[in-house]
Amino acid sequence: MRIRLWLRDLTGTGAGGAIVLLSRHEAAVMANAINTRSNWIGEKTSDMPRIGVSVTETSTIIRFMECRGEGHIALTVTEAGRLASWLHDMADGRWRDHNGYVPEVVK
């Protein structure tokens, strides 16, 4: 089972974006990196961009590594916490908590 994380609107125009597929394990590790404010880079497992977490004093930056300098988004600590919570839920298989849909493979 893969979790699709989509970084949208890199340019502010509504166009562009990057998608990465995370395994449940990668989603959990990424959530832990965000929660502990640690730097982390996921492994390259497909043709999708690798994802990384970078932290500063005031923000958490999610980076899509193969998108040159454009593939990133800065989140406030609060926003990053919400993303980490969502990633933990997805890693734990709690899709229903967010949209009422449970994939066939987990039923």
N, C-alpha and C. Protein backbone atom coordinates (compact mmCIF):
# COMPACT_ATOMS: atom_id res chain seq x y z
N MET A 1 0.84 -1.18 0.00
CA MET A 1 0.00 0.00 0.00
C MET A 1 0.88 1.24 0.00
N ARG A 2 0.59 2.17 -0.88
CA ARG A 2 1.35 3.42 -0.98
C ARG A 2 0.46 4.60 -0.63
N ILE A 3 1.07 5.61 -0.07
CA ILE A 3 0.38 6.84 0.30
C ILE A 3 0.88 7.92 -0.65
N ARG A 4 -0.02 8.58 -1.35
CA ARG A 4 0.37 9.62 -2.28
C ARG A 4 0.37 10.97 -1.58
N LEU A 5 1.53 11.61 -1.59
CA LEU A 5 1.67 12.95 -1.04
C LEU A 5 1.93 13.86 -2.21
N TRP A 6 1.10 14.87 -2.37
CA TRP A 6 1.15 15.74 -3.55
C TRP A 6 1.45 17.16 -3.11
N LEU A 7 2.57 17.68 -3.57
CA LEU A 7 2.92 19.08 -3.36
C LEU A 7 2.38 19.84 -4.55
N ARG A 8 1.43 20.72 -4.33
CA ARG A 8 0.77 21.43 -5.42
C ARG A 8 1.22 22.87 -5.52
N ASP A 9 1.02 23.41 -6.70
CA ASP A 9 1.15 24.85 -6.93
C ASP A 9 2.52 25.39 -6.54
N LEU A 10 3.55 24.85 -7.18
CA LEU A 10 4.90 25.30 -6.87
C LEU A 10 5.13 26.75 -7.24
N THR A 11 4.43 27.25 -8.25
CA THR A 11 4.69 28.59 -8.76
C THR A 11 3.71 29.64 -8.26
N GLY A 12 2.66 29.22 -7.58
CA GLY A 12 1.65 30.17 -7.13
C GLY A 12 0.61 30.46 -8.20
N THR A 13 0.71 29.79 -9.36
CA THR A 13 -0.21 30.05 -10.46
C THR A 13 -1.29 28.99 -10.57
N GLY A 14 -1.23 27.96 -9.76
CA GLY A 14 -2.18 26.86 -9.87
C GLY A 14 -1.69 25.75 -10.77
N ALA A 15 -0.55 25.94 -11.41
CA ALA A 15 0.02 24.93 -12.29
C ALA A 15 1.20 24.27 -11.58
N GLY A 16 1.59 23.12 -12.09
CA GLY A 16 2.77 22.45 -11.56
C GLY A 16 2.48 21.67 -10.31
N GLY A 17 3.49 21.09 -9.78
CA GLY A 17 3.38 20.30 -8.57
C GLY A 17 4.23 19.06 -8.68
N ALA A 18 4.36 18.35 -7.60
CA ALA A 18 5.12 17.11 -7.57
C ALA A 18 4.39 16.12 -6.69
N ILE A 19 4.49 14.86 -7.06
CA ILE A 19 3.83 13.79 -6.32
C ILE A 19 4.89 12.79 -5.91
N VAL A 20 4.79 12.28 -4.71
CA VAL A 20 5.67 11.21 -4.25
C VAL A 20 4.79 10.14 -3.62
N LEU A 21 5.15 8.89 -3.86
CA LEU A 21 4.47 7.77 -3.23
C LEU A 21 5.31 7.28 -2.07
N LEU A 22 4.70 7.24 -0.89
CA LEU A 22 5.39 6.78 0.31
C LEU A 22 4.85 5.44 0.73
N SER A 23 5.71 4.56 1.17
CA SER A 23 5.23 3.34 1.82
C SER A 23 4.68 3.74 3.18
N ARG A 24 3.96 2.86 3.81
CA ARG A 24 3.44 3.18 5.14
C ARG A 24 4.58 3.42 6.11
N HIS A 25 5.66 2.66 5.96
CA HIS A 25 6.82 2.84 6.83
C HIS A 25 7.45 4.21 6.60
N GLU A 26 7.64 4.59 5.33
CA GLU A 26 8.22 5.90 5.02
C GLU A 26 7.35 7.02 5.56
N ALA A 27 6.03 6.88 5.46
CA ALA A 27 5.12 7.90 5.99
C ALA A 27 5.29 8.04 7.50
N ALA A 28 5.42 6.92 8.19
CA ALA A 28 5.61 6.96 9.64
C ALA A 28 6.95 7.60 10.01
N VAL A 29 8.00 7.25 9.27
CA VAL A 29 9.32 7.83 9.54
C VAL A 29 9.32 9.33 9.25
N MET A 30 8.66 9.71 8.16
CA MET A 30 8.58 11.14 7.83
C MET A 30 7.80 11.89 8.92
N ALA A 31 6.70 11.33 9.37
CA ALA A 31 5.91 11.95 10.44
C ALA A 31 6.74 12.11 11.70
N ASN A 32 7.52 11.09 12.03
CA ASN A 32 8.38 11.18 13.21
C ASN A 32 9.44 12.27 13.04
N ALA A 33 10.00 12.39 11.83
CA ALA A 33 11.00 13.45 11.58
C ALA A 33 10.37 14.82 11.76
N ILE A 34 9.15 14.98 11.26
CA ILE A 34 8.45 16.27 11.41
C ILE A 34 8.18 16.54 12.88
N ASN A 35 7.65 15.55 13.60
CA ASN A 35 7.31 15.75 15.01
C ASN A 35 8.53 16.02 15.89
N THR A 36 9.66 15.40 15.56
CA THR A 36 10.86 15.60 16.38
C THR A 36 11.74 16.71 15.82
N ARG A 37 11.26 17.35 14.75
CA ARG A 37 11.98 18.45 14.10
C ARG A 37 13.38 18.00 13.70
N SER A 38 13.43 16.87 13.00
CA SER A 38 14.69 16.29 12.54
C SER A 38 14.76 16.34 11.03
N ASN A 39 15.95 16.44 10.49
CA ASN A 39 16.14 16.36 9.04
C ASN A 39 16.05 14.89 8.62
N TRP A 40 15.46 14.66 7.45
CA TRP A 40 15.29 13.29 6.94
C TRP A 40 15.16 13.33 5.43
N ILE A 41 15.73 12.33 4.76
CA ILE A 41 15.55 12.16 3.32
C ILE A 41 15.15 10.72 3.07
N GLY A 42 14.04 10.53 2.36
CA GLY A 42 13.57 9.19 2.03
C GLY A 42 14.44 8.52 0.98
N GLU A 43 14.28 7.22 0.87
CA GLU A 43 15.05 6.46 -0.11
C GLU A 43 14.43 6.57 -1.49
N LYS A 44 15.25 6.40 -2.50
CA LYS A 44 14.78 6.41 -3.90
C LYS A 44 14.31 4.99 -4.22
N THR A 45 12.98 4.83 -4.42
CA THR A 45 12.44 3.50 -4.67
C THR A 45 11.72 3.40 -6.00
N SER A 46 11.53 4.50 -6.71
CA SER A 46 10.82 4.47 -7.98
C SER A 46 11.24 5.69 -8.79
N ASP A 47 10.50 5.97 -9.85
CA ASP A 47 10.82 7.17 -10.64
C ASP A 47 10.20 8.43 -10.05
N MET A 48 9.51 8.30 -8.94
CA MET A 48 8.95 9.46 -8.25
C MET A 48 10.06 10.19 -7.51
N PRO A 49 9.92 11.49 -7.31
CA PRO A 49 10.95 12.24 -6.58
C PRO A 49 11.09 11.75 -5.14
N ARG A 50 12.32 11.75 -4.66
CA ARG A 50 12.53 11.48 -3.23
C ARG A 50 12.02 12.69 -2.46
N ILE A 51 11.65 12.44 -1.23
CA ILE A 51 11.15 13.53 -0.39
C ILE A 51 12.07 13.68 0.82
N GLY A 52 12.17 14.91 1.30
CA GLY A 52 12.99 15.18 2.46
C GLY A 52 12.33 16.17 3.39
N VAL A 53 12.77 16.17 4.62
CA VAL A 53 12.29 17.11 5.63
C VAL A 53 13.50 17.89 6.11
N SER A 54 13.41 19.21 6.07
CA SER A 54 14.44 20.09 6.62
C SER A 54 13.77 20.99 7.63
N VAL A 55 14.46 21.28 8.71
CA VAL A 55 13.85 22.12 9.74
C VAL A 55 14.69 23.36 9.98
N THR A 56 13.98 24.44 10.28
CA THR A 56 14.62 25.68 10.72
C THR A 56 14.00 26.03 12.07
N GLU A 57 14.37 27.16 12.61
CA GLU A 57 13.81 27.56 13.90
C GLU A 57 12.30 27.75 13.84
N THR A 58 11.80 28.27 12.72
CA THR A 58 10.39 28.65 12.65
C THR A 58 9.56 27.85 11.66
N SER A 59 10.18 26.96 10.89
CA SER A 59 9.40 26.25 9.89
C SER A 59 9.95 24.85 9.63
N THR A 60 9.14 24.08 8.97
CA THR A 60 9.53 22.76 8.48
C THR A 60 9.40 22.82 6.97
N ILE A 61 10.43 22.44 6.26
CA ILE A 61 10.43 22.51 4.80
C ILE A 61 10.37 21.09 4.25
N ILE A 62 9.35 20.84 3.43
CA ILE A 62 9.20 19.56 2.76
C ILE A 62 9.81 19.75 1.37
N ARG A 63 10.77 18.91 1.02
CA ARG A 63 11.49 19.04 -0.26
C ARG A 63 11.30 17.80 -1.12
N PHE A 64 11.04 18.05 -2.40
CA PHE A 64 11.03 16.99 -3.39
C PHE A 64 12.39 17.09 -4.08
N MET A 65 13.25 16.14 -3.82
CA MET A 65 14.67 16.24 -4.12
C MET A 65 15.01 16.34 -5.60
N GLU A 66 14.24 15.72 -6.49
CA GLU A 66 14.57 15.74 -7.91
C GLU A 66 13.89 16.88 -8.67
N CYS A 67 13.33 17.84 -7.97
CA CYS A 67 12.62 18.95 -8.62
C CYS A 67 13.45 20.23 -8.61
N ARG A 68 14.75 20.11 -8.58
CA ARG A 68 15.65 21.26 -8.51
C ARG A 68 15.28 22.14 -7.32
N GLY A 69 15.44 23.41 -7.41
CA GLY A 69 15.15 24.29 -6.28
C GLY A 69 13.69 24.59 -6.09
N GLU A 70 12.83 24.21 -7.06
CA GLU A 70 11.42 24.58 -7.00
C GLU A 70 10.58 23.63 -6.16
N GLY A 71 11.07 22.44 -5.94
CA GLY A 71 10.25 21.41 -5.31
C GLY A 71 10.27 21.44 -3.80
N HIS A 72 9.73 22.50 -3.22
CA HIS A 72 9.67 22.55 -1.77
C HIS A 72 8.49 23.41 -1.31
N ILE A 73 8.14 23.20 -0.06
CA ILE A 73 7.13 24.04 0.55
C ILE A 73 7.50 24.21 2.02
N ALA A 74 7.38 25.43 2.52
CA ALA A 74 7.68 25.71 3.93
C ALA A 74 6.37 25.72 4.71
N LEU A 75 6.36 24.99 5.79
CA LEU A 75 5.18 24.90 6.65
C LEU A 75 5.52 25.49 8.02
N THR A 76 4.54 26.14 8.62
CA THR A 76 4.72 26.57 10.00
C THR A 76 4.79 25.33 10.88
N VAL A 77 5.20 25.50 12.11
CA VAL A 77 5.27 24.36 13.03
C VAL A 77 3.89 23.73 13.20
N THR A 78 2.85 24.56 13.27
CA THR A 78 1.47 24.06 13.41
C THR A 78 1.04 23.27 12.18
N GLU A 79 1.29 23.83 10.99
CA GLU A 79 0.93 23.14 9.75
C GLU A 79 1.68 21.81 9.63
N ALA A 80 2.96 21.83 9.98
CA ALA A 80 3.76 20.61 9.92
C ALA A 80 3.21 19.57 10.89
N GLY A 81 2.76 20.01 12.05
CA GLY A 81 2.17 19.08 13.01
C GLY A 81 0.92 18.42 12.47
N ARG A 82 0.09 19.18 11.75
CA ARG A 82 -1.10 18.60 11.13
C ARG A 82 -0.72 17.58 10.06
N LEU A 83 0.30 17.91 9.26
CA LEU A 83 0.77 16.98 8.24
C LEU A 83 1.30 15.70 8.90
N ALA A 84 2.07 15.84 9.96
CA ALA A 84 2.60 14.67 10.65
C ALA A 84 1.48 13.80 11.21
N SER A 85 0.45 14.42 11.77
CA SER A 85 -0.69 13.68 12.28
C SER A 85 -1.38 12.90 11.17
N TRP A 86 -1.58 13.56 10.02
CA TRP A 86 -2.20 12.90 8.87
C TRP A 86 -1.33 11.74 8.39
N LEU A 87 -0.01 11.95 8.31
CA LEU A 87 0.89 10.89 7.86
C LEU A 87 0.85 9.70 8.82
N HIS A 88 0.80 9.98 10.13
CA HIS A 88 0.69 8.88 11.10
C HIS A 88 -0.61 8.10 10.88
N ASP A 89 -1.71 8.81 10.67
CA ASP A 89 -2.98 8.14 10.41
C ASP A 89 -2.91 7.28 9.15
N MET A 90 -2.32 7.81 8.09
CA MET A 90 -2.21 7.04 6.84
C MET A 90 -1.32 5.82 7.05
N ALA A 91 -0.22 5.99 7.77
CA ALA A 91 0.69 4.87 8.03
C ALA A 91 0.02 3.79 8.86
N ASP A 92 -0.89 4.20 9.75
CA ASP A 92 -1.61 3.25 10.60
C ASP A 92 -2.84 2.66 9.92
N GLY A 93 -3.09 3.07 8.67
CA GLY A 93 -4.23 2.53 7.94
C GLY A 93 -5.56 3.15 8.30
N ARG A 94 -5.55 4.36 8.85
CA ARG A 94 -6.80 5.00 9.27
C ARG A 94 -7.32 5.97 8.21
N TRP A 95 -7.48 5.48 6.97
CA TRP A 95 -7.98 6.32 5.88
C TRP A 95 -9.38 6.84 6.18
N ARG A 96 -10.20 6.01 6.78
CA ARG A 96 -11.59 6.36 7.05
C ARG A 96 -11.69 7.61 7.92
N ASP A 97 -10.74 7.81 8.80
CA ASP A 97 -10.77 8.99 9.66
C ASP A 97 -10.74 10.29 8.86
N HIS A 98 -10.27 10.22 7.63
CA HIS A 98 -10.07 11.43 6.85
C HIS A 98 -11.06 11.60 5.70
N ASN A 99 -11.50 10.50 5.10
CA ASN A 99 -12.40 10.70 3.97
C ASN A 99 -13.46 9.62 3.82
N GLY A 100 -13.56 8.72 4.78
CA GLY A 100 -14.60 7.69 4.72
C GLY A 100 -14.30 6.55 3.76
N TYR A 101 -13.15 6.56 3.11
CA TYR A 101 -12.82 5.54 2.14
C TYR A 101 -11.80 4.57 2.71
N VAL A 102 -12.07 3.30 2.58
CA VAL A 102 -11.11 2.28 3.00
C VAL A 102 -10.77 1.45 1.76
N PRO A 103 -9.53 1.44 1.32
CA PRO A 103 -9.16 0.67 0.14
C PRO A 103 -9.50 -0.81 0.30
N GLU A 104 -9.77 -1.47 -0.80
CA GLU A 104 -10.12 -2.89 -0.77
C GLU A 104 -9.10 -3.74 -0.06
N VAL A 105 -7.83 -3.41 -0.20
CA VAL A 105 -6.79 -4.26 0.37
C VAL A 105 -6.79 -4.28 1.90
N VAL A 106 -7.43 -3.32 2.53
CA VAL A 106 -7.45 -3.33 4.00
C VAL A 106 -8.78 -3.74 4.57
N LYS A 107 -9.75 -4.03 3.72
CA LYS A 107 -11.06 -4.46 4.22
C LYS A 107 -11.02 -5.90 4.64
